């Protein structure tokens, strides 16, 4: 576990360098659009989704330099989703990653446009990277995985479900909260692991197994996040704590109680690590970083 902070720091350094090159310069462009794009994307954070992609690529002994731009695109998509989720019409948050949210700094209209621009830039990045005709099919597969994860069947659809169920809290079923979490948060985490596997050269069967690992890991991640929203403070989370309960949102603590949610997180974490062990046994690369990273994020306390 001791190597995880170093791995996260190094992967974040590599991804931030790529993001700095891909994002438009801050001092140019219409209005403050470029500044708003950079403000949210380069805000301090773990860069978890790119780190998962790089660790998954390493599991299959792939060339991680080919994974940098697709991984950076994942971070752009994550940043865009946070910008839009934080809007007053959505989750109405004013704190994210320890700093004021985009719409607080730049206004709602510019925040919406910055999110739109990040989404577009992420798609453009995946369309051109890894470069070269020899990677054309790989680029297509990466786009298929990611775009399927963030649209109506994934992240966007999950947000719609979340909004439609807000106010029901403990009246919702466990199946309903699972569907929200699998789509709103879990789908992009799954895609991050799958992208790394694809770039790493995994077989179709291995990619499918990594997808199932990602599905369980994504759900476990959000259950832990639900618990932390109840038990942690804003300075630990980097965002406003206790908002889910205040809004009577559909979460695992609301449906199962705090201890039930903790038990669910433990169960899912064990499942995820068992799946990873099975995948690693047939992979040719180093599965240590991914195993430690998953333990770190699924067993975190802040």
Protein backbone atom coordinates (compact mmCIF):
# COMPACT_ATOMS: atom_id res chain seq x y z
CA UNK A 1 0.00 0.00 0.00
CA UNK A 2 2.93 2.34 0.65
CA UNK A 3 3.67 2.67 -3.09
CA UNK A 4 0.16 3.88 -3.97
CA UNK A 5 0.67 7.58 -3.16
CA UNK A 6 3.86 7.54 -5.23
CA UNK A 7 2.07 5.83 -8.13
CA UNK A 8 -0.80 8.34 -7.98
CA UNK A 9 1.61 11.27 -7.81
CA UNK A 10 3.65 10.04 -10.76
CA UNK A 11 0.61 9.16 -12.91
CA UNK A 12 -0.98 12.54 -12.09
CA UNK A 13 2.25 14.30 -13.10
CA UNK A 14 2.28 12.51 -16.44
CA UNK A 15 -1.41 13.12 -17.10
CA UNK A 16 -1.26 16.78 -16.08
CA UNK A 17 1.61 17.34 -18.51
CA UNK A 18 -0.49 15.86 -21.33
CA UNK A 19 -3.58 17.82 -20.26
CA UNK A 20 -1.57 21.03 -20.26
CA UNK A 21 -0.67 20.38 -23.91
CA UNK A 22 -4.15 19.30 -24.99
CA UNK A 23 -6.14 22.06 -23.26
CA UNK A 24 -6.33 25.45 -25.01
CA UNK A 25 -4.09 28.24 -23.68
CA UNK A 26 -5.62 30.19 -20.80
CA UNK A 27 -5.02 33.67 -22.17
CA UNK A 28 -6.75 33.13 -25.50
CA UNK A 29 -10.23 32.31 -26.81
CA UNK A 30 -13.66 33.85 -26.41
CA UNK A 31 -14.51 35.17 -22.97
CA UNK A 32 -12.99 33.06 -20.19
CA UNK A 33 -13.76 29.69 -21.79
CA UNK A 34 -10.18 28.43 -21.88
CA UNK A 35 -9.57 29.54 -18.32
CA UNK A 36 -12.73 27.79 -17.16
CA UNK A 37 -11.73 24.56 -18.95
CA UNK A 38 -8.31 24.58 -17.32
CA UNK A 39 -9.62 25.62 -13.90
CA UNK A 40 -11.73 22.49 -13.45
CA UNK A 41 -9.58 19.97 -15.32
CA UNK A 42 -6.27 20.90 -13.69
CA UNK A 43 -7.73 21.41 -10.21
CA UNK A 44 -5.89 19.40 -7.54
CA UNK A 45 -7.03 15.78 -7.49
CA UNK A 46 -5.92 12.15 -7.53
CA UNK A 47 -6.51 11.72 -11.29
CA UNK A 48 -7.97 8.36 -10.31
CA UNK A 49 -9.52 7.37 -13.64
CA UNK A 50 -6.33 7.99 -15.65
CA UNK A 51 -4.35 6.16 -12.96
CA UNK A 52 -6.67 3.16 -13.28
CA UNK A 53 -6.20 3.18 -17.05
CA UNK A 54 -2.41 3.30 -16.75
CA UNK A 55 -2.35 0.56 -14.10
CA UNK A 56 -4.62 -1.62 -16.25
CA UNK A 57 -2.34 -1.06 -19.24
CA UNK A 58 0.64 -2.11 -17.09
CA UNK A 59 -1.21 -5.27 -16.04
CA UNK A 60 -1.03 -6.42 -19.67
CA UNK A 61 2.54 -5.20 -20.22
CA UNK A 62 1.37 -2.54 -22.66
CA UNK A 63 3.12 0.62 -23.81
CA UNK A 64 1.88 3.19 -21.31
CA UNK A 65 2.94 6.10 -23.52
CA UNK A 66 0.16 5.06 -25.92
CA UNK A 67 -2.33 5.27 -23.05
CA UNK A 68 -1.52 8.81 -21.91
CA UNK A 69 -3.80 10.75 -24.25
CA UNK A 70 -6.80 8.39 -23.86
CA UNK A 71 -6.27 8.55 -20.09
CA UNK A 72 -6.17 12.35 -20.26
CA UNK A 73 -9.44 12.25 -22.22
CA UNK A 74 -10.98 10.28 -19.35
CA UNK A 75 -9.98 13.04 -16.95
CA UNK A 76 -11.50 15.70 -19.23
CA UNK A 77 -14.76 13.75 -19.27
CA UNK A 78 -14.69 13.41 -15.50
CA UNK A 79 -14.06 17.15 -15.14
CA UNK A 80 -16.91 18.00 -17.50
CA UNK A 81 -19.27 15.73 -15.57
CA UNK A 82 -18.35 17.39 -12.27
CA UNK A 83 -18.89 20.87 -13.72
CA UNK A 84 -22.38 19.92 -14.88
CA UNK A 85 -23.25 17.90 -11.76
CA UNK A 86 -22.40 20.88 -9.55
CA UNK A 87 -24.73 23.28 -11.38
CA UNK A 88 -27.72 24.70 -9.46
CA UNK A 89 -30.08 22.79 -11.77
CA UNK A 90 -28.34 19.51 -10.83
CA UNK A 91 -26.69 18.86 -7.46
CA UNK A 92 -26.16 22.56 -6.64
CA UNK A 93 -22.69 22.36 -5.06
CA UNK A 94 -20.37 25.27 -4.44
CA UNK A 95 -17.24 23.32 -3.45
CA UNK A 96 -15.33 20.75 -5.49
CA UNK A 97 -11.76 19.45 -5.08
CA UNK A 98 -11.28 21.93 -2.28
CA UNK A 99 -12.08 25.03 -4.35
CA UNK A 100 -15.19 26.91 -5.50
CA UNK A 101 -17.06 25.14 -8.27
CA UNK A 102 -16.91 26.35 -11.86
CA UNK A 103 -20.28 28.09 -11.94
CA UNK A 104 -19.42 29.98 -8.72
CA UNK A 105 -16.24 31.36 -10.33
CA UNK A 106 -17.27 31.77 -13.96
CA UNK A 107 -21.06 31.88 -13.91
CA UNK A 108 -23.54 29.21 -14.95
CA UNK A 109 -23.45 29.89 -18.70
CA UNK A 110 -19.65 29.68 -18.92
CA UNK A 111 -19.59 26.58 -16.72
CA UNK A 112 -22.03 24.80 -19.03
CA UNK A 113 -20.01 25.79 -22.08
CA UNK A 114 -16.72 24.76 -20.45
CA UNK A 115 -18.19 21.33 -19.74
CA UNK A 116 -19.44 21.06 -23.32
CA UNK A 117 -16.00 22.04 -24.66
CA UNK A 118 -14.23 19.49 -22.46
CA UNK A 119 -16.58 16.75 -23.66
CA UNK A 120 -15.84 17.68 -27.27
CA UNK A 121 -12.08 17.89 -26.71
CA UNK A 122 -12.06 14.49 -25.02
CA UNK A 123 -13.80 12.93 -28.02
CA UNK A 124 -11.38 14.64 -30.41
CA UNK A 125 -8.44 13.37 -28.35
CA UNK A 126 -9.66 9.78 -28.50
CA UNK A 127 -10.24 10.11 -32.24
CA UNK A 128 -6.57 10.94 -32.86
CA UNK A 129 -4.69 9.05 -30.12
CA UNK A 130 -2.86 6.71 -30.16
CA UNK A 131 -1.83 8.07 -33.55
CA UNK A 132 -1.10 6.22 -36.76
CA UNK A 133 -3.06 3.91 -39.06
CA UNK A 134 -1.83 0.85 -37.15
CA UNK A 135 -3.89 2.00 -34.15
CA UNK A 136 -7.10 2.86 -36.03
CA UNK A 137 -9.06 -0.12 -34.70
CA UNK A 138 -7.75 0.47 -31.20
CA UNK A 139 -8.94 4.09 -31.32
CA UNK A 140 -12.36 2.89 -32.44
CA UNK A 141 -12.61 0.39 -29.58
CA UNK A 142 -11.52 2.99 -27.02
CA UNK A 143 -14.15 5.44 -28.25
CA UNK A 144 -16.84 2.77 -28.21
CA UNK A 145 -16.10 1.88 -24.59
CA UNK A 146 -15.89 5.45 -23.34
CA UNK A 147 -18.77 6.98 -25.29
CA UNK A 148 -21.03 4.10 -24.31
CA UNK A 149 -20.14 4.72 -20.67
CA UNK A 150 -20.95 8.42 -20.62
CA UNK A 151 -24.21 8.67 -22.58
CA UNK A 152 -27.82 7.79 -21.93
CA UNK A 153 -26.94 4.21 -20.96
CA UNK A 154 -24.21 5.34 -18.58
CA UNK A 155 -23.22 8.53 -16.83
CA UNK A 156 -25.89 10.86 -18.24
CA UNK A 157 -28.64 8.30 -17.76
CA UNK A 158 -27.43 7.73 -14.20
CA UNK A 159 -27.66 11.43 -13.44
CA UNK A 160 -31.22 11.49 -14.79
CA UNK A 161 -32.14 8.58 -12.52
CA UNK A 162 -30.44 10.28 -9.57
CA UNK A 163 -32.43 13.47 -10.12
CA UNK A 164 -35.68 11.58 -10.58
CA UNK A 165 -35.20 9.69 -7.30
CA UNK A 166 -33.98 12.63 -5.22
CA UNK A 167 -36.28 13.14 -2.27
CA UNK A 168 -37.11 9.46 -1.90
CA UNK A 169 -34.04 8.61 0.20
CA UNK A 170 -34.70 5.48 2.24
CA UNK A 171 -37.94 4.78 0.36
CA UNK A 172 -36.01 3.64 -2.71
CA UNK A 173 -35.03 0.02 -3.24
CA UNK A 174 -31.49 -1.30 -3.18
CA UNK A 175 -31.88 -2.13 -6.87
CA UNK A 176 -32.69 1.50 -7.69
CA UNK A 177 -29.68 2.90 -5.86
CA UNK A 178 -27.45 0.28 -7.49
CA UNK A 179 -28.68 1.27 -10.95
CA UNK A 180 -27.92 4.94 -10.25
CA UNK A 181 -24.43 4.17 -9.00
CA UNK A 182 -23.55 1.71 -11.76
CA UNK A 183 -24.40 4.27 -14.39
CA UNK A 184 -23.56 7.64 -12.86
CA UNK A 185 -20.17 6.73 -11.37
CA UNK A 186 -19.38 3.10 -12.08
CA UNK A 187 -19.60 3.21 -15.87
CA UNK A 188 -16.66 5.63 -16.28
CA UNK A 189 -14.53 3.71 -13.78
CA UNK A 190 -15.27 0.53 -15.72
CA UNK A 191 -14.37 2.29 -18.97
CA UNK A 192 -11.09 3.51 -17.49
CA UNK A 193 -9.98 -0.03 -16.68
CA UNK A 194 -11.15 -1.34 -20.04
CA UNK A 195 -9.36 1.41 -21.97
CA UNK A 196 -6.11 0.51 -20.24
CA UNK A 197 -6.64 -3.17 -21.04
CA UNK A 198 -7.37 -2.42 -24.70
CA UNK A 199 -4.28 -0.23 -25.08
CA UNK A 200 -2.27 -2.82 -23.18
CA UNK A 201 -3.11 -5.49 -25.74
CA UNK A 202 -5.51 -7.64 -23.73
CA UNK A 203 -7.48 -10.34 -25.53
CA UNK A 204 -11.24 -9.85 -26.01
CA UNK A 205 -11.85 -12.35 -23.21
CA UNK A 206 -9.50 -10.45 -20.90
CA UNK A 207 -11.15 -7.15 -21.80
CA UNK A 208 -14.53 -8.63 -20.89
CA UNK A 209 -13.16 -9.87 -17.56
CA UNK A 210 -11.65 -6.44 -16.84
CA UNK A 211 -15.04 -4.92 -17.65
CA UNK A 212 -16.71 -7.08 -15.01
CA UNK A 213 -13.96 -6.13 -12.56
CA UNK A 214 -14.59 -2.48 -13.39
CA UNK A 215 -18.33 -2.84 -12.90
CA UNK A 216 -17.89 -4.21 -9.38
CA UNK A 217 -15.09 -1.76 -8.55
CA UNK A 218 -17.13 1.22 -9.76
CA UNK A 219 -20.08 0.25 -7.62
CA UNK A 220 -17.86 -0.36 -4.60
CA UNK A 221 -16.19 3.02 -5.10
CA UNK A 222 -19.53 4.84 -5.00
CA UNK A 223 -20.78 2.91 -1.96
CA UNK A 224 -17.63 4.00 -0.12
CA UNK A 225 -18.26 7.56 -1.35
CA UNK A 226 -21.80 7.39 0.05
CA UNK A 227 -20.44 6.35 3.44
CA UNK A 228 -17.81 9.10 3.42
CA UNK A 229 -20.46 11.70 2.61
CA UNK A 230 -22.06 10.80 5.94
CA UNK A 231 -18.91 10.38 8.04
CA UNK A 232 -16.38 12.92 6.69
CA UNK A 233 -16.02 16.69 6.71
CA UNK A 234 -15.70 19.00 3.71
CA UNK A 235 -11.99 19.59 4.29
CA UNK A 236 -11.40 15.83 4.05
CA UNK A 237 -13.61 15.26 1.02
CA UNK A 238 -12.74 18.39 -0.95
CA UNK A 239 -16.48 18.86 -1.46
CA UNK A 240 -19.49 19.60 0.71
CA UNK A 241 -20.18 16.72 3.10
CA UNK A 242 -23.63 15.65 4.23
CA UNK A 243 -25.41 16.99 1.15
CA UNK A 244 -26.81 13.62 0.12
CA UNK A 245 -28.63 13.21 3.40
CA UNK A 246 -29.80 16.83 3.44
CA UNK A 247 -31.29 16.42 -0.05
CA UNK A 248 -32.79 13.02 0.85
CA UNK A 249 -30.90 11.50 -2.07
CA UNK A 250 -30.93 7.81 -2.93
CA UNK A 251 -27.75 6.38 -1.39
CA UNK A 252 -26.71 3.12 0.22
CA UNK A 253 -26.69 4.57 3.77
CA UNK A 254 -30.22 5.86 3.16
CA UNK A 255 -31.42 2.47 1.94
CA UNK A 256 -29.34 0.06 4.05
CA UNK A 257 -28.27 2.24 6.97
CA UNK A 258 -24.67 3.26 7.65
CA UNK A 259 -23.51 -0.13 8.90
CA UNK A 260 -25.33 -1.94 6.11
CA UNK A 261 -23.62 0.32 3.57
CA UNK A 262 -20.24 -0.41 5.13
CA UNK A 263 -20.91 -4.13 4.91
CA UNK A 264 -21.95 -3.72 1.27
CA UNK A 265 -18.72 -1.86 0.51
CA UNK A 266 -16.67 -4.62 2.15
CA UNK A 267 -18.51 -7.31 0.19
CA UNK A 268 -18.01 -5.53 -3.12
CA UNK A 269 -14.36 -4.81 -2.39
CA UNK A 270 -13.69 -8.50 -1.74
CA UNK A 271 -15.46 -9.37 -4.98
CA UNK A 272 -13.42 -6.82 -6.94
CA UNK A 273 -10.09 -8.02 -5.55
CA UNK A 274 -10.99 -11.66 -6.24
CA UNK A 275 -11.84 -10.75 -9.85
CA UNK A 276 -8.57 -8.86 -10.18
CA UNK A 277 -6.63 -11.88 -8.91
CA UNK A 278 -8.30 -14.05 -11.54
CA UNK A 279 -7.51 -11.57 -14.33
CA UNK A 280 -3.92 -11.08 -13.12
CA UNK A 281 -3.25 -14.82 -13.18
CA UNK A 282 -3.64 -14.80 -16.97
CA UNK A 283 -2.00 -11.44 -17.68
CA UNK A 284 1.64 -11.01 -18.72
CA UNK A 285 2.38 -7.73 -16.96
CA UNK A 286 2.62 -6.29 -13.47
CA UNK A 287 -0.69 -6.41 -11.60
CA UNK A 288 0.73 -5.05 -8.36
CA UNK A 289 0.02 -1.36 -8.98
CA UNK A 290 -3.59 -2.00 -9.98
CA UNK A 291 -4.20 -4.30 -7.00
CA UNK A 292 -2.75 -1.78 -4.55
CA UNK A 293 -4.58 1.10 -6.22
CA UNK A 294 -7.93 -0.67 -5.98
CA UNK A 295 -7.34 -1.54 -2.34
CA UNK A 296 -6.39 2.07 -1.67
CA UNK A 297 -9.50 3.62 -3.21
CA UNK A 298 -11.97 0.95 -2.07
CA UNK A 299 -10.75 0.88 1.52
CA UNK A 300 -10.19 4.63 1.90
CA UNK A 301 -11.46 6.56 4.89
CA UNK A 302 -11.36 10.07 3.40
